[in-house]
Amino acid sequence: MIIACTDGSLYASSVYHHAAWAASRQSAPIHVLHVIERHEHPSERDLSGTIGFDASAELLAELALADETHARVARLRGQAILDDAMRQLRAATTDESPDISATQRHGSLVDAVDELADDTSLIVIGKRGEHADFARGHLGSNLERVVRSVPVPVLVASREFRTPDRFLIAFDGGASARKAVHYLTTEPLLRGAECHLLAVGKADGELARQLETAADSLRAAGFSVTADLLPGDADDIIAREVKEREIHLLVMGAYGHTRVRQLILGSTTTTLLRTCTVPVLLFR
């Protein structure tokens, strides 16, 4: 099953098209998920304690009614988002399209995804959500939490969909990168696409050996592969290669360092998600 996470933002249509493409490649059903998070529905609290014991019963009743109305609007908006998602997915798929279902849940997107993870092969989510600051390049608030919490690959959709005929694997020799290579050699998602394998580091040593092993595995699976080991800063080199090679999809491991180390050194994952305009397939 492929989960398409939606909040009705500008990325929603792209999420649906990426999900439809992945479903057609993997012959998998699509499940559209919309979550009304806690800040979107009324909290279950004692309003009299919040505004004081002297508040009139009429005011408390009006506040309760406002909460109820807000919750109803959130549910109706969510249903409208799901209806639109179903319409777009049916239009984006063929007569032989996979099963498409939809669910609206309350609570946390991460919790909802976790509950469905056992039956899920891929999660598709927008790079930025409804509340992201586009001017400052902020990512969606749920994106990192979802990627960190699930064991399955996460496809982060860009603003517009295009069929990925060329992809680049950012390879660092780590467990996540090796997992990405194994996935691509055993799953049909990108079969037939042109593969560029890129490592950033010294031209000798263990990384060079691991890069060649990965390239051999991909070639054995039928991919046309170019493999490069380049010196420099990983963030800059990967972003440059994606642009110069006109890459359609970036594949990489996600959040390879601890959160404490990221506070000091930053995160290649976050930087590339923010700066690259192509979709990113992440492995944890």
C-alpha atoms as a PDB file:
ATOM      1  CA  MET A   1       0.000   0.000   0.000  1.00  0.00           C
ATOM      2  CA  ILE A   2       1.132   3.531  -0.800  1.00  0.00           C
ATOM      3  CA  ILE A   3       0.095   6.253   1.648  1.00  0.00           C
ATOM      4  CA  ALA A   4      -0.455   9.710   0.167  1.00  0.00           C
ATOM      5  CA  CYS A   5      -0.438  12.289   2.978  1.00  0.00           C
ATOM      6  CA  THR A   6      -2.394  15.432   2.220  1.00  0.00           C
ATOM      7  CA  ASP A   7      -3.352  18.669   3.927  1.00  0.00           C
ATOM      8  CA  GLY A   8      -4.764  20.404   0.870  1.00  0.00           C
ATOM      9  CA  SER A   9      -1.679  22.622   0.470  1.00  0.00           C
ATOM     10  CA  LEU A  10      -0.049  23.721  -2.787  1.00  0.00           C
ATOM     11  CA  TYR A  11       1.838  20.411  -2.828  1.00  0.00           C
ATOM     12  CA  ALA A  12      -1.299  18.261  -2.643  1.00  0.00           C
ATOM     13  CA  SER A  13      -1.781  17.798  -6.383  1.00  0.00           C
ATOM     14  CA  SER A  14       1.860  16.822  -6.800  1.00  0.00           C
ATOM     15  CA  VAL A  15       1.549  14.312  -3.947  1.00  0.00           C
ATOM     16  CA  TYR A  16      -1.376  12.651  -5.731  1.00  0.00           C
ATOM     17  CA  HIS A  17       0.486  12.447  -9.048  1.00  0.00           C
ATOM     18  CA  HIS A  18       3.625  11.053  -7.402  1.00  0.00           C
ATOM     19  CA  ALA A  19       1.483   8.472  -5.579  1.00  0.00           C
ATOM     20  CA  ALA A  20      -0.318   7.516  -8.792  1.00  0.00           C
ATOM     21  CA  TRP A  21       3.006   7.077 -10.595  1.00  0.00           C
ATOM     22  CA  ALA A  22       4.465   4.945  -7.787  1.00  0.00           C
ATOM     23  CA  ALA A  23       1.316   2.829  -7.591  1.00  0.00           C
ATOM     24  CA  SER A  24       1.437   2.113 -11.316  1.00  0.00           C
ATOM     25  CA  ARG A  25       5.098   1.070 -11.041  1.00  0.00           C
ATOM     26  CA  GLN A  26       4.575  -1.161  -8.020  1.00  0.00           C
ATOM     27  CA  SER A  27       1.020  -2.372  -8.709  1.00  0.00           C
ATOM     28  CA  ALA A  28       0.043  -1.178  -5.242  1.00  0.00           C
ATOM     29  CA  PRO A  29      -3.172   0.311  -3.847  1.00  0.00           C
ATOM     30  CA  ILE A  30      -3.240   3.959  -2.735  1.00  0.00           C
ATOM     31  CA  HIS A  31      -4.523   5.148   0.619  1.00  0.00           C
ATOM     32  CA  VAL A  32      -5.025   8.902   1.000  1.00  0.00           C
ATOM     33  CA  LEU A  33      -4.549  10.121   4.566  1.00  0.00           C
ATOM     34  CA  HIS A  34      -5.708  13.441   5.969  1.00  0.00           C
ATOM     35  CA  VAL A  35      -5.198  14.144   9.664  1.00  0.00           C
ATOM     36  CA  ILE A  36      -6.937  16.880  11.644  1.00  0.00           C
ATOM     37  CA  GLU A  37      -4.200  17.649  14.134  1.00  0.00           C
ATOM     38  CA  ARG A  38      -4.724  18.813  17.665  1.00  0.00           C
ATOM     39  CA  HIS A  39      -4.411  22.511  16.907  1.00  0.00           C
ATOM     40  CA  GLU A  40      -7.201  22.188  14.329  1.00  0.00           C
ATOM     41  CA  HIS A  41      -9.946  20.892  16.630  1.00  0.00           C
ATOM     42  CA  PRO A  42     -11.147  22.097  20.034  1.00  0.00           C
ATOM     43  CA  SER A  43      -9.245  20.996  23.073  1.00  0.00           C
ATOM     44  CA  GLU A  44     -11.170  19.173  25.742  1.00  0.00           C
ATOM     45  CA  ARG A  45     -10.666  21.659  28.552  1.00  0.00           C
ATOM     46  CA  ASP A  46     -12.665  23.384  31.267  1.00  0.00           C
ATOM     47  CA  LEU A  47     -13.255  26.826  29.786  1.00  0.00           C
ATOM     48  CA  SER A  48     -14.377  28.248  33.123  1.00  0.00           C
ATOM     49  CA  GLY A  49     -10.966  27.534  34.586  1.00  0.00           C
ATOM     50  CA  THR A  50      -9.284  29.242  31.643  1.00  0.00           C
ATOM     51  CA  ILE A  51     -11.169  32.543  31.771  1.00  0.00           C
ATOM     52  CA  GLY A  52     -12.083  32.693  35.450  1.00  0.00           C
ATOM     53  CA  PHE A  53     -14.896  31.547  37.691  1.00  0.00           C
ATOM     54  CA  ASP A  54     -16.841  34.787  37.253  1.00  0.00           C
ATOM     55  CA  ALA A  55     -17.470  34.200  33.575  1.00  0.00           C
ATOM     56  CA  SER A  56     -21.128  34.110  32.685  1.00  0.00           C
ATOM     57  CA  ALA A  57     -22.819  30.908  31.612  1.00  0.00           C
ATOM     58  CA  GLU A  58     -23.784  32.660  28.376  1.00  0.00           C
ATOM     59  CA  LEU A  59     -20.149  33.423  27.516  1.00  0.00           C
ATOM     60  CA  LEU A  60     -19.069  29.877  28.288  1.00  0.00           C
ATOM     61  CA  ALA A  61     -21.845  28.536  26.084  1.00  0.00           C
ATOM     62  CA  GLU A  62     -20.759  30.798  23.235  1.00  0.00           C
ATOM     63  CA  LEU A  63     -17.152  29.670  23.573  1.00  0.00           C
ATOM     64  CA  ALA A  64     -18.197  26.021  23.548  1.00  0.00           C
ATOM     65  CA  LEU A  65     -20.332  26.653  20.459  1.00  0.00           C
ATOM     66  CA  ALA A  66     -17.373  28.346  18.740  1.00  0.00           C
ATOM     67  CA  ASP A  67     -15.209  25.300  19.473  1.00  0.00           C
ATOM     68  CA  GLU A  68     -17.875  22.977  18.124  1.00  0.00           C
ATOM     69  CA  THR A  69     -18.250  25.075  14.970  1.00  0.00           C
ATOM     70  CA  HIS A  70     -14.494  25.141  14.454  1.00  0.00           C
ATOM     71  CA  ALA A  71     -14.333  21.350  14.735  1.00  0.00           C
ATOM     72  CA  ARG A  72     -17.191  20.905  12.273  1.00  0.00           C
ATOM     73  CA  VAL A  73     -15.537  23.239   9.759  1.00  0.00           C
ATOM     74  CA  ALA A  74     -12.251  21.286  10.104  1.00  0.00           C
ATOM     75  CA  ARG A  75     -14.074  18.002   9.429  1.00  0.00           C
ATOM     76  CA  LEU A  76     -15.907  19.406   6.398  1.00  0.00           C
ATOM     77  CA  ARG A  77     -12.712  20.931   5.021  1.00  0.00           C
ATOM     78  CA  GLY A  78     -10.926  17.628   5.497  1.00  0.00           C
ATOM     79  CA  GLN A  79     -13.663  15.747   3.680  1.00  0.00           C
ATOM     80  CA  ALA A  80     -13.466  18.224   0.800  1.00  0.00           C
ATOM     81  CA  ILE A  81      -9.693  17.653   0.618  1.00  0.00           C
ATOM     82  CA  LEU A  82     -10.202  13.882   0.469  1.00  0.00           C
ATOM     83  CA  ASP A  83     -12.932  14.169  -2.182  1.00  0.00           C
ATOM     84  CA  ASP A  84     -10.598  16.277  -4.316  1.00  0.00           C
ATOM     85  CA  ALA A  85      -7.762  13.799  -3.768  1.00  0.00           C
ATOM     86  CA  MET A  86      -9.923  10.892  -4.953  1.00  0.00           C
ATOM     87  CA  ARG A  87     -10.974  12.869  -8.030  1.00  0.00           C
ATOM     88  CA  GLN A  88      -7.398  13.770  -8.957  1.00  0.00           C
ATOM     89  CA  LEU A  89      -6.095  10.250  -8.357  1.00  0.00           C
ATOM     90  CA  ARG A  90      -8.782   8.698 -10.546  1.00  0.00           C
ATOM     91  CA  ALA A  91      -7.941  11.186 -13.288  1.00  0.00           C
ATOM     92  CA  ALA A  92      -4.202  10.493 -12.935  1.00  0.00           C
ATOM     93  CA  THR A  93      -4.513   6.716 -13.213  1.00  0.00           C
ATOM     94  CA  THR A  94      -5.575   4.437 -16.050  1.00  0.00           C
ATOM     95  CA  ASP A  95      -8.478   2.051 -16.404  1.00  0.00           C
ATOM     96  CA  GLU A  96      -6.225  -0.513 -14.759  1.00  0.00           C
ATOM     97  CA  SER A  97      -5.683   1.795 -11.787  1.00  0.00           C
ATOM     98  CA  PRO A  98      -5.080   0.403  -8.296  1.00  0.00           C
ATOM     99  CA  ASP A  99      -7.594   0.485  -5.494  1.00  0.00           C
ATOM    100  CA  ILE A 100      -7.896   3.963  -4.011  1.00  0.00           C
ATOM    101  CA  SER A 101      -9.200   4.597  -0.502  1.00  0.00           C
ATOM    102  CA  ALA A 102      -9.192   7.558   1.865  1.00  0.00           C
ATOM    103  CA  THR A 103      -9.249   8.177   5.609  1.00  0.00           C
ATOM    104  CA  GLN A 104      -9.677  11.235   7.795  1.00  0.00           C
ATOM    105  CA  ARG A 105      -8.211  10.944  11.280  1.00  0.00           C
ATOM    106  CA  HIS A 106      -7.805  13.124  14.342  1.00  0.00           C
ATOM    107  CA  GLY A 107      -4.605  13.536  16.314  1.00  0.00           C
ATOM    108  CA  SER A 108      -1.051  13.263  15.007  1.00  0.00           C
ATOM    109  CA  LEU A 109       0.049  12.517  11.443  1.00  0.00           C
ATOM    110  CA  VAL A 110       3.018  10.564  12.782  1.00  0.00           C
ATOM    111  CA  ASP A 111       0.763   8.373  14.933  1.00  0.00           C
ATOM    112  CA  ALA A 112      -1.628   7.786  12.033  1.00  0.00           C
ATOM    113  CA  VAL A 113       1.214   6.804   9.703  1.00  0.00           C
ATOM    114  CA  ASP A 114       2.726   4.523  12.349  1.00  0.00           C
ATOM    115  CA  GLU A 115      -0.554   2.648  12.681  1.00  0.00           C
ATOM    116  CA  LEU A 116      -0.590   1.941   8.940  1.00  0.00           C
ATOM    117  CA  ALA A 117       3.148   1.296   8.520  1.00  0.00           C
ATOM    118  CA  ASP A 118       2.955  -2.517   8.643  1.00  0.00           C
ATOM    119  CA  ASP A 119       0.912  -2.605   5.441  1.00  0.00           C
ATOM    120  CA  THR A 120       2.778   0.233   3.720  1.00  0.00           C
ATOM    121  CA  SER A 121       5.525   0.033   1.092  1.00  0.00           C
ATOM    122  CA  LEU A 122       5.933   3.772   0.422  1.00  0.00           C
ATOM    123  CA  ILE A 123       4.799   7.068   1.946  1.00  0.00           C
ATOM    124  CA  VAL A 124       4.339  10.159  -0.224  1.00  0.00           C
ATOM    125  CA  ILE A 125       4.305  13.562   1.444  1.00  0.00           C
ATOM    126  CA  GLY A 126       4.708  17.154   0.275  1.00  0.00           C
ATOM    127  CA  LYS A 127       7.981  18.979   0.876  1.00  0.00           C
ATOM    128  CA  ARG A 128       6.097  21.813   2.514  1.00  0.00           C
ATOM    129  CA  GLY A 129       2.761  21.789   4.259  1.00  0.00           C
ATOM    130  CA  GLU A 130      -0.051  24.266   4.556  1.00  0.00           C
ATOM    131  CA  HIS A 131       1.652  26.268   7.305  1.00  0.00           C
ATOM    132  CA  ALA A 132       5.231  26.300   5.950  1.00  0.00           C
ATOM    133  CA  ASP A 133       6.943  29.629   5.315  1.00  0.00           C
ATOM    134  CA  PHE A 134       7.635  29.531   1.570  1.00  0.00           C
ATOM    135  CA  ALA A 135       9.548  32.812   1.584  1.00  0.00           C
ATOM    136  CA  ARG A 136      12.105  31.414   4.027  1.00  0.00           C
ATOM    137  CA  GLY A 137      12.156  27.920   2.546  1.00  0.00           C
ATOM    138  CA  HIS A 138      10.776  26.248   5.664  1.00  0.00           C
ATOM    139  CA  LEU A 139       9.909  22.576   5.344  1.00  0.00           C
ATOM    140  CA  GLY A 140       6.630  21.100   6.470  1.00  0.00           C
ATOM    141  CA  SER A 141       6.456  20.644  10.232  1.00  0.00           C
ATOM    142  CA  ASN A 142       5.529  16.946   9.928  1.00  0.00           C
ATOM    143  CA  LEU A 143       8.109  15.971   7.329  1.00  0.00           C
ATOM    144  CA  GLU A 144      11.106  15.201   9.539  1.00  0.00           C
ATOM    145  CA  ARG A 145       8.959  13.534  12.197  1.00  0.00           C
ATOM    146  CA  VAL A 146       7.411  11.189   9.632  1.00  0.00           C
ATOM    147  CA  VAL A 147      10.758  10.313   8.042  1.00  0.00           C
ATOM    148  CA  ARG A 148      12.339   9.596  11.414  1.00  0.00           C
ATOM    149  CA  SER A 149       9.447   7.484  12.683  1.00  0.00           C
ATOM    150  CA  VAL A 150       8.737   5.023   9.848  1.00  0.00           C
ATOM    151  CA  PRO A 151      10.863   2.153   8.521  1.00  0.00           C
ATOM    152  CA  VAL A 152       9.597   2.435   4.927  1.00  0.00           C
ATOM    153  CA  PRO A 153      10.863   4.795   2.189  1.00  0.00           C
ATOM    154  CA  VAL A 154       9.382   8.305   2.075  1.00  0.00           C
ATOM    155  CA  LEU A 155       8.933  10.055  -1.259  1.00  0.00           C
ATOM    156  CA  VAL A 156       9.000  13.815  -0.703  1.00  0.00           C
ATOM    157  CA  ALA A 157       7.083  15.432  -3.557  1.00  0.00           C
ATOM    158  CA  SER A 158       8.243  18.624  -5.233  1.00  0.00           C
ATOM    159  CA  ARG A 159       5.849  21.350  -6.379  1.00  0.00           C
ATOM    160  CA  GLU A 160       5.260  19.713  -9.772  1.00  0.00           C
ATOM    161  CA  PHE A 161       5.337  16.117 -10.925  1.00  0.00           C
ATOM    162  CA  ARG A 162       7.351  14.780 -13.820  1.00  0.00           C
ATOM    163  CA  THR A 163       8.124  11.162 -14.611  1.00  0.00           C
ATOM    164  CA  PRO A 164      11.638  10.512 -13.230  1.00  0.00           C
ATOM    165  CA  ASP A 165      13.684   9.284 -16.173  1.00  0.00           C
ATOM    166  CA  ARG A 166      16.987  10.225 -14.494  1.00  0.00           C
ATOM    167  CA  PHE A 167      17.771   9.810 -10.807  1.00  0.00           C
ATOM    168  CA  LEU A 168      20.798  10.381  -8.609  1.00  0.00           C
ATOM    169  CA  ILE A 169      21.720   8.348  -5.542  1.00  0.00           C
ATOM    170  CA  ALA A 170      23.682  10.336  -2.952  1.00  0.00           C
ATOM    171  CA  PHE A 171      25.823   7.493  -1.623  1.00  0.00           C
ATOM    172  CA  ASP A 172      27.851   7.766   1.594  1.00  0.00           C
ATOM    173  CA  GLY A 173      28.416   4.078   2.275  1.00  0.00           C
ATOM    174  CA  GLY A 174      26.143   4.131   5.325  1.00  0.00           C
ATOM    175  CA  ALA A 175      23.348   1.728   6.184  1.00  0.00           C
ATOM    176  CA  SER A 176      20.619   3.998   4.777  1.00  0.00           C
ATOM    177  CA  ALA A 177      22.427   4.426   1.461  1.00  0.00           C
ATOM    178  CA  ARG A 178      22.976   0.673   1.162  1.00  0.00           C
ATOM    179  CA  LYS A 179      19.294   0.164   1.958  1.00  0.00           C
ATOM    180  CA  ALA A 180      18.401   2.539  -0.876  1.00  0.00           C
ATOM    181  CA  VAL A 181      20.558   0.601  -3.345  1.00  0.00           C
ATOM    182  CA  HIS A 182      19.043  -2.708  -2.251  1.00  0.00           C
ATOM    183  CA  TYR A 183      15.527  -1.304  -2.596  1.00  0.00           C
ATOM    184  CA  LEU A 184      16.157  -0.051  -6.127  1.00  0.00           C
ATOM    185  CA  THR A 185      17.668  -3.371  -7.216  1.00  0.00           C
ATOM    186  CA  THR A 186      14.726  -5.393  -5.888  1.00  0.00           C
ATOM    187  CA  GLU A 187      11.734  -3.076  -6.513  1.00  0.00           C
ATOM    188  CA  PRO A 188      10.379  -1.903  -9.894  1.00  0.00           C
ATOM    189  CA  LEU A 189       9.880   1.740  -8.883  1.00  0.00           C
ATOM    190  CA  LEU A 190      12.729   3.194 -10.977  1.00  0.00           C
ATOM    191  CA  ARG A 191      13.495   0.260 -13.239  1.00  0.00           C
ATOM    192  CA  GLY A 192      14.534   1.522 -16.683  1.00  0.00           C
ATOM    193  CA  ALA A 193      15.523   5.011 -15.521  1.00  0.00           C
ATOM    194  CA  GLU A 194      19.047   6.381 -15.938  1.00  0.00           C
ATOM    195  CA  CYS A 195      21.032   6.070 -12.705  1.00  0.00           C
ATOM    196  CA  HIS A 196      23.773   8.367 -11.435  1.00  0.00           C
ATOM    197  CA  LEU A 197      25.615   7.195  -8.328  1.00  0.00           C
ATOM    198  CA  LEU A 198      27.474   9.931  -6.467  1.00  0.00           C
ATOM    199  CA  ALA A 199      29.738   9.839  -3.434  1.00  0.00           C
ATOM    200  CA  VAL A 200      31.522  12.831  -1.940  1.00  0.00           C
ATOM    201  CA  GLY A 201      34.866  12.281  -0.232  1.00  0.00           C
ATOM    202  CA  LYS A 202      38.450  11.159  -0.824  1.00  0.00           C
ATOM    203  CA  ALA A 203      39.135   9.256  -4.041  1.00  0.00           C
ATOM    204  CA  ASP A 204      40.760   6.344  -2.229  1.00  0.00           C
ATOM    205  CA  GLY A 205      39.805   4.115   0.656  1.00  0.00           C
ATOM    206  CA  GLU A 206      36.704   2.278   1.798  1.00  0.00           C
ATOM    207  CA  LEU A 207      34.150   4.680   0.288  1.00  0.00           C
ATOM    208  CA  ALA A 208      35.535   4.099  -3.227  1.00  0.00           C
ATOM    209  CA  ARG A 209      35.243   0.337  -2.765  1.00  0.00           C
ATOM    210  CA  GLN A 210      31.687   0.612  -1.451  1.00  0.00           C
ATOM    211  CA  LEU A 211      30.736   2.899  -4.336  1.00  0.00           C
ATOM    212  CA  GLU A 212      31.950   0.376  -6.900  1.00  0.00           C
ATOM    213  CA  THR A 213      30.108  -2.456  -5.112  1.00  0.00           C
ATOM    214  CA  ALA A 214      26.896  -0.428  -5.203  1.00  0.00           C
ATOM    215  CA  ALA A 215      27.381   0.383  -8.885  1.00  0.00           C
ATOM    216  CA  ASP A 216      27.916  -3.301  -9.700  1.00  0.00           C
ATOM    217  CA  SER A 217      24.708  -4.244  -7.863  1.00  0.00           C
ATOM    218  CA  LEU A 218      22.697  -1.656  -9.790  1.00  0.00           C
ATOM    219  CA  ARG A 219      24.173  -2.725 -13.131  1.00  0.00           C
ATOM    220  CA  ALA A 220      23.397  -6.350 -12.340  1.00  0.00           C
ATOM    221  CA  ALA A 221      19.784  -5.285 -11.769  1.00  0.00           C
ATOM    222  CA  GLY A 222      19.664  -3.793 -15.266  1.00  0.00           C
ATOM    223  CA  PHE A 223      20.383  -0.118 -14.599  1.00  0.00           C
ATOM    224  CA  SER A 224      22.599   2.023 -16.801  1.00  0.00           C
ATOM    225  CA  VAL A 225      24.906   3.510 -14.152  1.00  0.00           C
ATOM    226  CA  THR A 226      27.513   6.264 -13.968  1.00  0.00           C
ATOM    227  CA  ALA A 227      29.427   6.372 -10.674  1.00  0.00           C
ATOM    228  CA  ASP A 228      31.477   9.328  -9.433  1.00  0.00           C
ATOM    229  CA  LEU A 229      33.470  10.022  -6.286  1.00  0.00           C
ATOM    230  CA  LEU A 230      34.044  13.763  -6.009  1.00  0.00           C
ATOM    231  CA  PRO A 231      35.839  15.904  -3.413  1.00  0.00           C
ATOM    232  CA  GLY A 232      34.188  18.822  -1.656  1.00  0.00           C
ATOM    233  CA  ASP A 233      31.247  19.669   0.548  1.00  0.00           C
ATOM    234  CA  ALA A 234      28.441  17.114   0.243  1.00  0.00           C
ATOM    235  CA  ASP A 235      25.618  19.680   0.298  1.00  0.00           C
ATOM    236  CA  ASP A 236      27.163  21.762  -2.479  1.00  0.00           C
ATOM    237  CA  ILE A 237      28.363  18.898  -4.669  1.00  0.00           C
ATOM    238  CA  ILE A 238      25.086  16.970  -4.580  1.00  0.00           C
ATOM    239  CA  ALA A 239      23.001  20.071  -5.299  1.00  0.00           C
ATOM    240  CA  ARG A 240      25.320  21.014  -8.169  1.00  0.00           C
ATOM    241  CA  GLU A 241      25.192  17.549  -9.730  1.00  0.00           C
ATOM    242  CA  VAL A 242      21.393  17.434  -9.470  1.00  0.00           C
ATOM    243  CA  LYS A 243      21.180  20.719 -11.359  1.00  0.00           C
ATOM    244  CA  GLU A 244      23.887  20.126 -13.965  1.00  0.00           C
ATOM    245  CA  ARG A 245      22.781  16.592 -14.813  1.00  0.00           C
ATOM    246  CA  GLU A 246      19.114  17.666 -14.923  1.00  0.00           C
ATOM    247  CA  ILE A 247      18.203  14.984 -12.416  1.00  0.00           C
ATOM    248  CA  HIS A 248      14.479  14.266 -11.947  1.00  0.00           C
ATOM    249  CA  LEU A 249      14.693  12.487  -8.567  1.00  0.00           C
ATOM    250  CA  LEU A 250      17.239  12.468  -5.726  1.00  0.00           C
ATOM    251  CA  VAL A 251      17.642   9.272  -3.679  1.00  0.00           C
ATOM    252  CA  MET A 252      19.444   9.400  -0.339  1.00  0.00           C
ATOM    253  CA  GLY A 253      19.631   8.205   3.230  1.00  0.00           C
ATOM    254  CA  ALA A 254      17.837  10.345   5.786  1.00  0.00           C
ATOM    255  CA  TYR A 255      19.233  12.057   8.864  1.00  0.00           C
ATOM    256  CA  GLY A 256      22.380  10.026   9.288  1.00  0.00           C
ATOM    257  CA  HIS A 257      23.635  11.887  12.361  1.00  0.00           C
ATOM    258  CA  THR A 258      22.218  12.329  15.826  1.00  0.00           C
ATOM    259  CA  ARG A 259      20.079  15.370  16.579  1.00  0.00           C
ATOM    260  CA  VAL A 260      22.817  16.789  18.841  1.00  0.00           C
ATOM    261  CA  ARG A 261      25.394  16.572  16.077  1.00  0.00           C
ATOM    262  CA  GLN A 262      22.969  18.190  13.646  1.00  0.00           C
ATOM    263  CA  LEU A 263      22.699  21.214  15.940  1.00  0.00           C
ATOM    264  CA  ILE A 264      26.444  21.721  15.443  1.00  0.00           C
ATOM    265  CA  LEU A 265      27.027  20.532  11.874  1.00  0.00           C
ATOM    266  CA  GLY A 266      23.619  20.843  10.279  1.00  0.00           C
ATOM    267  CA  SER A 267      21.948  18.128   8.221  1.00  0.00           C
ATOM    268  CA  THR A 268      22.631  17.282   4.586  1.00  0.00           C
ATOM    269  CA  THR A 269      19.136  15.814   4.409  1.00  0.00           C
ATOM    270  CA  THR A 270      17.457  19.040   5.513  1.00  0.00           C
ATOM    271  CA  THR A 271      19.693  21.242   3.362  1.00  0.00           C
ATOM    272  CA  LEU A 272      19.023  19.266   0.191  1.00  0.00           C
ATOM    273  CA  LEU A 273      15.297  19.045   0.870  1.00  0.00           C
ATOM    274  CA  ARG A 274      15.234  22.827   1.170  1.00  0.00           C
ATOM    275  CA  THR A 275      17.463  23.676  -1.798  1.00  0.00           C
ATOM    276  CA  CYS A 276      16.750  21.005  -4.424  1.00  0.00           C
ATOM    277  CA  THR A 277      13.644  21.519  -6.525  1.00  0.00           C
ATOM    278  CA  VAL A 278      13.299  17.830  -7.437  1.00  0.00           C
ATOM    279  CA  PRO A 279      11.473  15.177  -5.406  1.00  0.00           C
ATOM    280  CA  VAL A 280      13.563  13.222  -2.897  1.00  0.00           C
ATOM    281  CA  LEU A 281      13.246   9.527  -2.040  1.00  0.00           C
ATOM    282  CA  LEU A 282      14.454   9.062   1.543  1.00  0.00           C
ATOM    283  CA  PHE A 283      15.572   5.905   3.328  1.00  0.00           C
ATOM    284  CA  ARG A 284      16.143   5.594   7.049  1.00  0.00           C
END
